[in-house]
Amino acid sequence: MIKIFLAISIGSALGGISRWLLSTKLNPLIALLPLGTYLSNVIASFILGLAFAYFANHYTLSPEWRLMVMTVFCGGLSTFSTFSLEVMLSVQQQRYYHGFL
């Protein structure tokens, strides 16, 4: 059980910090487009696909590794809630095109 708690703690910390860094560094670059949010989601999806393929062929790795990488790190890195907030803010500010993107 301790291994699972460690996997969750490490994965969520790394994913959340990565998302925060991407957002704080990239979102200010283009005022009308939350580039860091989009990139966080793309990277998380890409890593999830790679991890799925990798773990499908490497059965000897412990389930904690799968949990840490696929569920927790990618979940912490992807930003559906942040993305939803940014879409709603765009709509409230009548920037419908940016909300649609």
N, C-alpha and C. Protein backbone atom coordinates (compact mmCIF):
# COMPACT_ATOMS: atom_id res chain seq x y z
N MET A 1 0.82 -1.20 0.00
CA MET A 1 0.00 0.00 0.00
C MET A 1 0.87 1.26 0.00
N ILE A 2 1.99 1.20 0.69
CA ILE A 2 2.91 2.35 0.73
C ILE A 2 3.41 2.67 -0.67
N LYS A 3 3.68 1.65 -1.47
CA LYS A 3 4.17 1.87 -2.84
C LYS A 3 3.13 2.62 -3.67
N ILE A 4 1.87 2.29 -3.47
CA ILE A 4 0.80 2.97 -4.20
C ILE A 4 0.72 4.44 -3.79
N PHE A 5 0.79 4.71 -2.49
CA PHE A 5 0.76 6.10 -2.01
C PHE A 5 1.95 6.90 -2.54
N LEU A 6 3.12 6.28 -2.57
CA LEU A 6 4.30 6.96 -3.11
C LEU A 6 4.14 7.23 -4.60
N ALA A 7 3.62 6.25 -5.34
CA ALA A 7 3.41 6.42 -6.78
C ALA A 7 2.44 7.56 -7.05
N ILE A 8 1.37 7.63 -6.28
CA ILE A 8 0.38 8.70 -6.44
C ILE A 8 1.00 10.05 -6.08
N SER A 9 1.73 10.10 -4.99
CA SER A 9 2.34 11.36 -4.56
C SER A 9 3.36 11.88 -5.57
N ILE A 10 4.25 11.02 -6.01
CA ILE A 10 5.29 11.43 -6.94
C ILE A 10 4.69 11.81 -8.29
N GLY A 11 3.80 10.97 -8.80
CA GLY A 11 3.19 11.23 -10.11
C GLY A 11 2.39 12.51 -10.14
N SER A 12 1.59 12.74 -9.09
CA SER A 12 0.76 13.95 -9.09
C SER A 12 1.61 15.21 -8.91
N ALA A 13 2.66 15.12 -8.11
CA ALA A 13 3.55 16.28 -7.95
C ALA A 13 4.24 16.61 -9.26
N LEU A 14 4.80 15.61 -9.93
CA LEU A 14 5.50 15.86 -11.19
C LEU A 14 4.55 16.35 -12.28
N GLY A 15 3.38 15.76 -12.37
CA GLY A 15 2.40 16.19 -13.38
C GLY A 15 1.89 17.60 -13.13
N GLY A 16 1.56 17.89 -11.88
CA GLY A 16 1.05 19.22 -11.54
C GLY A 16 2.08 20.31 -11.72
N ILE A 17 3.31 20.04 -11.30
CA ILE A 17 4.37 21.03 -11.47
C ILE A 17 4.66 21.26 -12.95
N SER A 18 4.66 20.19 -13.73
CA SER A 18 4.89 20.33 -15.17
C SER A 18 3.81 21.18 -15.82
N ARG A 19 2.56 20.93 -15.44
CA ARG A 19 1.45 21.71 -15.98
C ARG A 19 1.58 23.18 -15.59
N TRP A 20 1.91 23.44 -14.34
CA TRP A 20 2.07 24.81 -13.86
C TRP A 20 3.18 25.52 -14.61
N LEU A 21 4.32 24.85 -14.80
CA LEU A 21 5.43 25.47 -15.53
C LEU A 21 5.05 25.80 -16.96
N LEU A 22 4.40 24.86 -17.64
CA LEU A 22 3.99 25.11 -19.02
C LEU A 22 3.02 26.29 -19.10
N SER A 23 2.07 26.33 -18.19
CA SER A 23 1.07 27.40 -18.21
C SER A 23 1.68 28.76 -17.89
N THR A 24 2.52 28.82 -16.86
CA THR A 24 3.07 30.12 -16.49
C THR A 24 4.08 30.64 -17.50
N LYS A 25 4.76 29.75 -18.19
CA LYS A 25 5.75 30.19 -19.17
C LYS A 25 5.14 30.46 -20.55
N LEU A 26 4.15 29.67 -20.95
CA LEU A 26 3.65 29.77 -22.32
C LEU A 26 2.36 30.57 -22.47
N ASN A 27 1.49 30.56 -21.48
CA ASN A 27 0.22 31.28 -21.62
C ASN A 27 0.40 32.78 -21.87
N PRO A 28 1.38 33.44 -21.25
CA PRO A 28 1.56 34.88 -21.52
C PRO A 28 2.08 35.20 -22.93
N LEU A 29 2.61 34.23 -23.64
CA LEU A 29 3.19 34.50 -24.96
C LEU A 29 2.17 34.96 -25.98
N ILE A 30 1.00 34.34 -25.97
CA ILE A 30 -0.08 34.71 -26.89
C ILE A 30 -1.30 35.03 -26.03
N ALA A 31 -1.63 36.28 -25.95
CA ALA A 31 -2.67 36.72 -25.01
C ALA A 31 -4.03 36.07 -25.27
N LEU A 32 -4.35 35.80 -26.51
CA LEU A 32 -5.67 35.27 -26.83
C LEU A 32 -5.75 33.75 -26.85
N LEU A 33 -4.64 33.09 -26.64
CA LEU A 33 -4.62 31.63 -26.75
C LEU A 33 -3.84 31.04 -25.58
N PRO A 34 -4.46 30.18 -24.76
CA PRO A 34 -3.74 29.56 -23.64
C PRO A 34 -2.84 28.41 -24.13
N LEU A 35 -1.71 28.78 -24.70
CA LEU A 35 -0.81 27.82 -25.32
C LEU A 35 -0.32 26.75 -24.35
N GLY A 36 -0.02 27.15 -23.12
CA GLY A 36 0.45 26.19 -22.13
C GLY A 36 -0.58 25.12 -21.81
N THR A 37 -1.84 25.52 -21.77
CA THR A 37 -2.92 24.57 -21.51
C THR A 37 -3.05 23.57 -22.65
N TYR A 38 -3.06 24.08 -23.87
CA TYR A 38 -3.15 23.18 -25.03
C TYR A 38 -1.97 22.23 -25.08
N LEU A 39 -0.77 22.76 -24.86
CA LEU A 39 0.42 21.93 -24.93
C LEU A 39 0.44 20.89 -23.81
N SER A 40 -0.04 21.25 -22.63
CA SER A 40 -0.13 20.28 -21.53
C SER A 40 -1.00 19.10 -21.92
N ASN A 41 -2.13 19.38 -22.53
CA ASN A 41 -3.04 18.31 -22.93
C ASN A 41 -2.44 17.45 -24.04
N VAL A 42 -1.76 18.07 -24.99
CA VAL A 42 -1.14 17.31 -26.09
C VAL A 42 -0.03 16.42 -25.55
N ILE A 43 0.82 16.98 -24.70
CA ILE A 43 1.93 16.19 -24.14
C ILE A 43 1.40 15.04 -23.29
N ALA A 44 0.39 15.30 -22.46
CA ALA A 44 -0.18 14.24 -21.62
C ALA A 44 -0.77 13.13 -22.48
N SER A 45 -1.46 13.49 -23.54
CA SER A 45 -2.04 12.48 -24.44
C SER A 45 -0.95 11.67 -25.13
N PHE A 46 0.11 12.34 -25.55
CA PHE A 46 1.22 11.67 -26.21
C PHE A 46 1.92 10.70 -25.25
N ILE A 47 2.21 11.15 -24.04
CA ILE A 47 2.85 10.29 -23.05
C ILE A 47 1.94 9.12 -22.70
N LEU A 48 0.66 9.36 -22.58
CA LEU A 48 -0.28 8.29 -22.27
C LEU A 48 -0.28 7.23 -23.35
N GLY A 49 -0.26 7.65 -24.61
CA GLY A 49 -0.20 6.69 -25.72
C GLY A 49 1.09 5.89 -25.71
N LEU A 50 2.21 6.57 -25.50
CA LEU A 50 3.50 5.87 -25.43
C LEU A 50 3.54 4.89 -24.26
N ALA A 51 3.07 5.34 -23.11
CA ALA A 51 3.07 4.49 -21.92
C ALA A 51 2.18 3.28 -22.11
N PHE A 52 1.03 3.48 -22.73
CA PHE A 52 0.12 2.35 -22.98
C PHE A 52 0.80 1.30 -23.84
N ALA A 53 1.45 1.74 -24.91
CA ALA A 53 2.15 0.80 -25.80
C ALA A 53 3.32 0.14 -25.08
N TYR A 54 4.05 0.91 -24.30
CA TYR A 54 5.21 0.37 -23.59
C TYR A 54 4.79 -0.67 -22.56
N PHE A 55 3.82 -0.32 -21.72
CA PHE A 55 3.39 -1.23 -20.66
C PHE A 55 2.68 -2.46 -21.21
N ALA A 56 2.10 -2.37 -22.38
CA ALA A 56 1.46 -3.53 -22.99
C ALA A 56 2.48 -4.60 -23.35
N ASN A 57 3.71 -4.18 -23.61
CA ASN A 57 4.77 -5.13 -23.98
C ASN A 57 5.74 -5.44 -22.85
N HIS A 58 5.59 -4.82 -21.72
CA HIS A 58 6.50 -5.03 -20.58
C HIS A 58 5.68 -5.40 -19.35
N TYR A 59 5.32 -6.65 -19.28
CA TYR A 59 4.45 -7.13 -18.21
C TYR A 59 5.15 -7.21 -16.86
N THR A 60 6.48 -7.22 -16.87
CA THR A 60 7.21 -7.41 -15.62
C THR A 60 7.26 -6.16 -14.75
N LEU A 61 6.94 -5.01 -15.32
CA LEU A 61 6.94 -3.79 -14.51
C LEU A 61 5.76 -3.80 -13.54
N SER A 62 5.99 -3.27 -12.37
CA SER A 62 4.96 -3.31 -11.33
C SER A 62 3.77 -2.42 -11.68
N PRO A 63 2.61 -2.76 -11.14
CA PRO A 63 1.41 -1.95 -11.38
C PRO A 63 1.56 -0.52 -10.87
N GLU A 64 2.42 -0.32 -9.87
CA GLU A 64 2.63 1.03 -9.34
C GLU A 64 3.23 1.96 -10.40
N TRP A 65 4.10 1.43 -11.25
CA TRP A 65 4.67 2.24 -12.33
C TRP A 65 3.58 2.66 -13.31
N ARG A 66 2.73 1.72 -13.66
CA ARG A 66 1.62 2.04 -14.57
C ARG A 66 0.72 3.11 -13.96
N LEU A 67 0.40 2.92 -12.69
CA LEU A 67 -0.44 3.88 -11.98
C LEU A 67 0.21 5.26 -11.98
N MET A 68 1.49 5.31 -11.64
CA MET A 68 2.18 6.59 -11.53
C MET A 68 2.25 7.32 -12.86
N VAL A 69 2.59 6.61 -13.92
CA VAL A 69 2.78 7.27 -15.21
C VAL A 69 1.45 7.54 -15.90
N MET A 70 0.65 6.50 -16.07
CA MET A 70 -0.54 6.62 -16.91
C MET A 70 -1.68 7.37 -16.23
N THR A 71 -1.95 7.04 -15.00
CA THR A 71 -3.11 7.64 -14.34
C THR A 71 -2.76 8.95 -13.66
N VAL A 72 -1.73 8.92 -12.84
CA VAL A 72 -1.48 10.07 -11.97
C VAL A 72 -0.67 11.17 -12.67
N PHE A 73 0.47 10.84 -13.28
CA PHE A 73 1.26 11.88 -13.94
C PHE A 73 0.49 12.50 -15.10
N CYS A 74 -0.05 11.66 -15.97
CA CYS A 74 -0.79 12.19 -17.13
C CYS A 74 -2.06 12.92 -16.68
N GLY A 75 -2.69 12.44 -15.63
CA GLY A 75 -3.86 13.13 -15.09
C GLY A 75 -3.50 14.47 -14.49
N GLY A 76 -2.35 14.55 -13.82
CA GLY A 76 -1.89 15.82 -13.26
C GLY A 76 -1.44 16.80 -14.33
N LEU A 77 -0.88 16.27 -15.41
CA LEU A 77 -0.40 17.12 -16.48
C LEU A 77 -1.53 17.62 -17.37
N SER A 78 -2.49 16.76 -17.66
CA SER A 78 -3.59 17.20 -18.51
C SER A 78 -4.47 18.15 -17.71
N THR A 79 -5.15 19.01 -18.40
CA THR A 79 -5.78 20.14 -17.72
C THR A 79 -7.23 20.33 -18.14
N PHE A 80 -8.01 19.29 -18.09
CA PHE A 80 -9.38 19.46 -18.57
C PHE A 80 -10.12 20.52 -17.76
N SER A 81 -9.91 20.55 -16.46
CA SER A 81 -10.61 21.55 -15.65
C SER A 81 -10.11 22.96 -15.98
N THR A 82 -8.81 23.13 -16.16
CA THR A 82 -8.27 24.43 -16.55
C THR A 82 -8.75 24.81 -17.94
N PHE A 83 -8.76 23.85 -18.83
CA PHE A 83 -9.24 24.08 -20.19
C PHE A 83 -10.70 24.53 -20.17
N SER A 84 -11.53 23.86 -19.38
CA SER A 84 -12.94 24.24 -19.27
C SER A 84 -13.09 25.66 -18.75
N LEU A 85 -12.31 26.02 -17.74
CA LEU A 85 -12.36 27.37 -17.20
C LEU A 85 -11.97 28.39 -18.26
N GLU A 86 -10.92 28.12 -19.02
CA GLU A 86 -10.48 29.08 -20.03
C GLU A 86 -11.50 29.22 -21.16
N VAL A 87 -12.19 28.14 -21.50
CA VAL A 87 -13.25 28.23 -22.50
C VAL A 87 -14.38 29.10 -21.97
N MET A 88 -14.78 28.88 -20.72
CA MET A 88 -15.86 29.67 -20.14
C MET A 88 -15.48 31.15 -20.03
N LEU A 89 -14.25 31.44 -19.66
CA LEU A 89 -13.80 32.84 -19.59
C LEU A 89 -13.81 33.49 -20.97
N SER A 90 -13.42 32.74 -21.98
CA SER A 90 -13.45 33.27 -23.35
C SER A 90 -14.88 33.60 -23.78
N VAL A 91 -15.81 32.73 -23.44
CA VAL A 91 -17.21 32.95 -23.79
C VAL A 91 -17.76 34.16 -23.02
N GLN A 92 -17.43 34.26 -21.73
CA GLN A 92 -17.88 35.41 -20.94
C GLN A 92 -17.34 36.72 -21.49
N GLN A 93 -16.14 36.69 -22.04
CA GLN A 93 -15.53 37.89 -22.60
C GLN A 93 -15.90 38.07 -24.07
N GLN A 94 -16.85 37.28 -24.52
CA GLN A 94 -17.36 37.32 -25.90
C GLN A 94 -16.27 37.08 -26.94
N ARG A 95 -15.30 36.25 -26.58
CA ARG A 95 -14.27 35.82 -27.53
C ARG A 95 -14.64 34.40 -27.96
N TYR A 96 -15.72 34.28 -28.68
CA TYR A 96 -16.29 32.99 -29.02
C TYR A 96 -15.35 32.13 -29.86
N TYR A 97 -14.65 32.75 -30.76
CA TYR A 97 -13.72 32.01 -31.62
C TYR A 97 -12.63 31.34 -30.78
N HIS A 98 -12.09 32.06 -29.81
CA HIS A 98 -11.04 31.50 -28.97
C HIS A 98 -11.59 30.43 -28.04
N GLY A 99 -12.81 30.61 -27.60
CA GLY A 99 -13.45 29.58 -26.79
C GLY A 99 -13.69 28.31 -27.57
N PHE A 100 -13.99 28.48 -28.86
CA PHE A 100 -14.21 27.32 -29.73
C PHE A 100 -12.92 26.56 -30.00
N LEU A 101 -11.81 27.29 -30.13
CA LEU A 101 -10.52 26.65 -30.39
C LEU A 101 -10.13 25.79 -29.24
